[in-house]
Protein backbone atom coordinates (compact mmCIF):
# COMPACT_ATOMS: atom_id res chain seq x y z
CA MET A 1 48.35 -39.68 -26.03
CA LEU A 2 50.86 -42.49 -25.94
CA THR A 3 51.20 -44.22 -29.25
CA PRO A 4 52.97 -47.60 -29.56
CA HIS A 5 56.04 -45.79 -30.95
CA ARG A 6 56.17 -43.42 -27.95
CA VAL A 7 55.74 -46.31 -25.49
CA PHE A 8 58.56 -48.19 -27.23
CA ALA A 9 60.76 -45.06 -27.13
CA LEU A 10 60.01 -44.55 -23.41
CA VAL A 11 60.77 -48.19 -22.55
CA ALA A 12 63.99 -48.06 -24.62
CA PHE A 13 65.03 -44.83 -22.88
CA LEU A 14 64.43 -46.32 -19.40
CA PHE A 15 66.25 -49.51 -20.37
CA LEU A 16 69.27 -47.66 -21.75
CA PHE A 17 69.52 -44.83 -19.23
CA GLY A 18 67.72 -46.12 -16.16
CA THR A 19 69.81 -47.35 -13.24
CA PRO A 20 69.01 -50.82 -11.94
CA ALA A 21 68.76 -51.36 -8.17
CA ALA A 22 72.02 -53.35 -8.05
CA ALA A 23 73.96 -50.53 -9.69
CA GLN A 24 72.41 -48.00 -7.31
CA SER A 25 73.38 -50.08 -4.29
CA GLY A 26 76.87 -50.60 -5.73
CA SER A 27 77.44 -46.87 -6.05
CA ALA A 28 75.96 -46.30 -2.58
CA LEU A 29 78.45 -48.83 -1.17
CA LEU A 30 81.47 -46.95 -2.56
CA GLY A 31 83.49 -45.35 0.21
CA ARG A 32 84.44 -46.19 3.76
CA TRP A 33 81.89 -47.50 6.27
CA VAL A 34 82.65 -47.55 10.00
CA GLY A 35 80.79 -49.53 12.66
CA THR A 36 81.27 -51.77 15.69
CA HIS A 37 81.03 -55.57 15.65
CA ASP A 38 81.70 -57.84 18.65
CA GLY A 39 82.90 -54.84 20.66
CA ARG A 40 85.59 -53.92 18.11
CA PRO A 41 85.67 -51.36 15.28
CA TRP A 42 84.68 -52.81 11.91
CA VAL A 43 85.80 -50.67 8.99
CA ILE A 44 85.19 -51.63 5.35
CA ASP A 45 86.40 -49.77 2.28
CA PHE A 46 84.88 -50.07 -1.19
CA TYR A 47 87.08 -48.82 -4.05
CA ASN A 48 85.20 -49.48 -7.31
CA ASP A 49 85.72 -53.25 -7.71
CA THR A 50 87.80 -53.71 -4.54
CA LEU A 51 86.66 -54.39 -0.96
CA LEU A 52 89.04 -54.09 1.97
CA VAL A 53 88.40 -54.70 5.65
CA VAL A 54 90.77 -52.30 7.38
CA ASP A 55 93.66 -54.05 9.18
CA ASP A 56 93.35 -57.12 6.92
CA VAL A 57 96.42 -57.90 4.83
CA HIS A 58 94.64 -58.99 1.64
CA VAL A 59 91.85 -57.47 -0.42
CA LEU A 60 88.66 -59.55 -0.18
CA ALA A 61 86.93 -61.41 -2.98
CA PHE A 62 83.31 -60.23 -2.78
CA ARG A 63 79.94 -60.19 -4.45
CA ALA A 64 77.36 -57.48 -3.80
CA SER A 65 73.73 -57.43 -4.84
CA ALA A 66 71.03 -54.87 -4.12
CA ASP A 67 70.52 -56.26 -0.60
CA SER A 68 73.31 -58.71 0.27
CA LEU A 69 77.07 -58.79 0.51
CA VAL A 70 79.26 -61.91 0.60
CA ALA A 71 83.03 -61.61 1.12
CA PHE A 72 85.89 -64.11 1.47
CA GLY A 73 89.46 -63.47 2.62
CA ASP A 74 91.22 -62.64 5.89
CA THR A 75 87.76 -61.66 7.10
CA SER A 76 84.80 -63.58 5.64
CA PHE A 77 81.13 -62.69 6.01
CA ALA A 78 77.70 -62.98 4.41
CA VAL A 79 75.30 -60.20 5.40
CA SER A 80 72.16 -58.40 4.32
CA TYR A 81 72.26 -54.60 4.12
CA TRP A 82 70.10 -51.57 3.42
CA PHE A 83 70.40 -47.80 3.79
CA VAL A 84 68.49 -45.60 6.22
CA ARG A 85 69.18 -41.89 6.83
CA GLU A 86 72.72 -41.92 5.40
CA ARG A 87 73.63 -45.02 7.40
CA MET A 88 74.20 -48.55 6.18
CA LEU A 89 72.44 -51.14 8.32
CA VAL A 90 74.06 -54.57 8.16
CA GLN A 91 72.35 -57.69 9.47
CA THR A 92 74.42 -60.80 10.20
CA PRO A 93 73.02 -64.35 9.75
CA GLU A 94 72.71 -64.50 13.56
CA GLY A 95 70.35 -61.51 13.45
CA GLU A 96 72.76 -58.93 14.88
CA LEU A 97 72.18 -55.46 13.44
CA ILE A 98 75.26 -53.28 12.84
CA THR A 99 74.90 -49.56 12.08
CA MET A 100 77.68 -48.27 9.85
CA ALA A 101 78.34 -44.59 9.20
CA PRO A 102 80.18 -43.22 6.16
CA GLN A 103 83.60 -41.74 6.81
CA ASN A 104 84.91 -38.76 4.91
CA ALA A 105 87.81 -39.63 2.60
CA LEU A 106 90.09 -37.09 4.28
CA ALA A 107 89.34 -38.64 7.67
CA ARG A 108 90.71 -42.02 6.58
CA PRO A 109 93.78 -43.14 8.48
CA LEU A 110 97.01 -43.23 6.46
CA HIS A 111 98.85 -45.90 8.44
CA GLY A 112 100.11 -48.90 6.48
CA ASP A 113 102.31 -49.57 3.46
CA TRP A 114 102.76 -47.23 0.48
CA ARG A 115 104.74 -48.21 -2.64
CA GLY A 116 105.88 -46.76 -5.93
CA ALA A 117 108.90 -45.46 -7.86
CA GLY A 118 111.10 -48.15 -6.29
CA ILE A 119 110.31 -47.02 -2.74
CA GLU A 120 108.42 -48.61 0.14
CA LEU A 121 107.06 -46.26 2.80
CA TRP A 122 105.48 -47.46 6.05
CA LEU A 123 103.36 -45.13 8.18
CA GLY A 124 102.66 -46.25 11.73
CA ARG A 125 100.21 -44.95 14.28
CA GLY A 126 101.42 -42.14 16.49
CA GLY A 127 103.48 -40.43 13.78
CA VAL A 128 106.12 -43.15 13.34
CA ALA A 129 107.43 -43.70 9.79
CA ARG A 130 110.14 -45.53 7.88
CA TRP A 131 111.15 -45.97 4.24
CA ARG A 132 113.52 -48.03 2.12
CA PRO A 133 114.23 -48.86 -1.51
CA LEU A 134 112.04 -51.73 -2.76
CA SER A 135 115.21 -53.52 -3.82
CA GLY A 136 115.65 -54.44 -0.15
CA GLY A 137 117.75 -51.62 1.23
CA ARG A 138 118.02 -50.61 4.86
CA TRP A 139 115.05 -48.95 6.59
CA GLN A 140 115.41 -45.22 7.36
CA SER A 141 113.36 -44.17 10.42
CA GLY A 142 111.53 -40.92 10.99
CA GLU A 143 108.29 -39.19 11.88
CA TRP A 144 105.23 -37.97 9.99
CA GLU A 145 102.60 -35.35 10.69
CA ARG A 146 99.39 -34.68 8.77
CA ARG A 147 97.60 -31.39 8.22
CA THR A 148 94.57 -32.10 6.01
CA ARG A 149 96.07 -33.02 2.61
CA ASN A 150 99.66 -32.03 3.48
CA ILE A 151 101.87 -34.60 5.16
CA THR A 152 105.33 -33.70 6.44
CA PHE A 153 108.01 -36.34 6.96
CA LEU A 154 111.15 -35.78 9.02
CA TRP A 155 113.85 -38.43 8.53
CA LEU A 156 116.32 -38.90 11.36
CA PRO A 157 119.17 -38.41 12.22
CA ASP A 158 119.81 -35.95 9.34
CA SER A 159 116.51 -34.03 9.76
CA LEU A 160 115.81 -34.50 6.05
CA GLU A 161 112.28 -33.26 5.30
CA TRP A 162 109.82 -34.50 2.66
CA VAL A 163 106.37 -33.03 2.02
CA ALA A 164 103.58 -35.00 0.34
CA GLN A 165 100.11 -34.17 -0.92
CA TYR A 166 97.49 -36.80 -0.07
CA ASP A 167 94.91 -37.80 -2.70
CA PRO A 168 92.16 -39.54 -0.67
CA GLN A 169 90.14 -40.67 -3.70
CA GLY A 170 93.12 -42.25 -5.45
CA ALA A 171 94.72 -43.50 -2.21
CA ALA A 172 98.00 -41.90 -3.31
CA LEU A 173 100.77 -39.69 -1.93
CA LEU A 174 102.43 -37.19 -4.29
CA PHE A 175 105.93 -36.01 -3.43
CA SER A 176 107.23 -33.07 -5.48
CA GLU A 177 110.70 -33.58 -3.98
CA MET A 178 112.06 -36.81 -2.53
CA GLU A 179 115.72 -37.54 -1.96
CA SER A 180 117.58 -36.30 -5.03
CA ARG A 181 114.76 -37.04 -7.53
CA ALA A 182 113.90 -34.13 -9.77
CA THR A 183 110.56 -35.54 -10.96
CA PRO A 184 107.47 -35.95 -8.77
CA VAL A 185 107.03 -39.35 -7.10
CA VAL A 186 103.66 -41.04 -6.56
CA LEU A 187 103.22 -43.72 -3.90
CA ARG A 188 100.03 -45.75 -3.70
CA LYS A 189 98.49 -47.52 -0.74
CA ALA A 190 99.60 -51.17 -0.86
CA PHE A 191 96.74 -53.52 0.03
CA ARG A 192 98.49 -56.74 -1.05
CA TRP A 193 101.96 -58.16 -0.51
């Protein structure tokens, strides 16, 4: 039989350890979602408190609730969303329904800017790469190739080779050897300039 003390204890337990709907939707949003909008790919990335529309230059300011998402930046939108069978359905104010599928972290494209340890690294599509010191030095051109978490860089014309490990969750590249540096170097994906 439930006594008033047991009811109070149960309510306190649910209050302290229960997960509200907004928190559940927030955790469900984490990750990369891929869909098509206006005939073009629409890719959004949620990293904890950060939202990025892929190919935008700046991270978006956003607010998410249990059923709506409002974002302002290079790309701005206000949509309703819900989850069905491991898909996120997004409805625009015009009534258009966009189906977005989750994308595995290892499947995320690496192209873009990476920075850290005084180095700027740019990875282009098609295996094109370049790097330079952040102090404004000259760009060194080369190529890159990815095999799951291992990425191999070949810098021309000297055929200097670097190998990096990709951390998809932390959006980081770890180089055990780079130039003449004896210590490991970590570069992070640069979302802002």
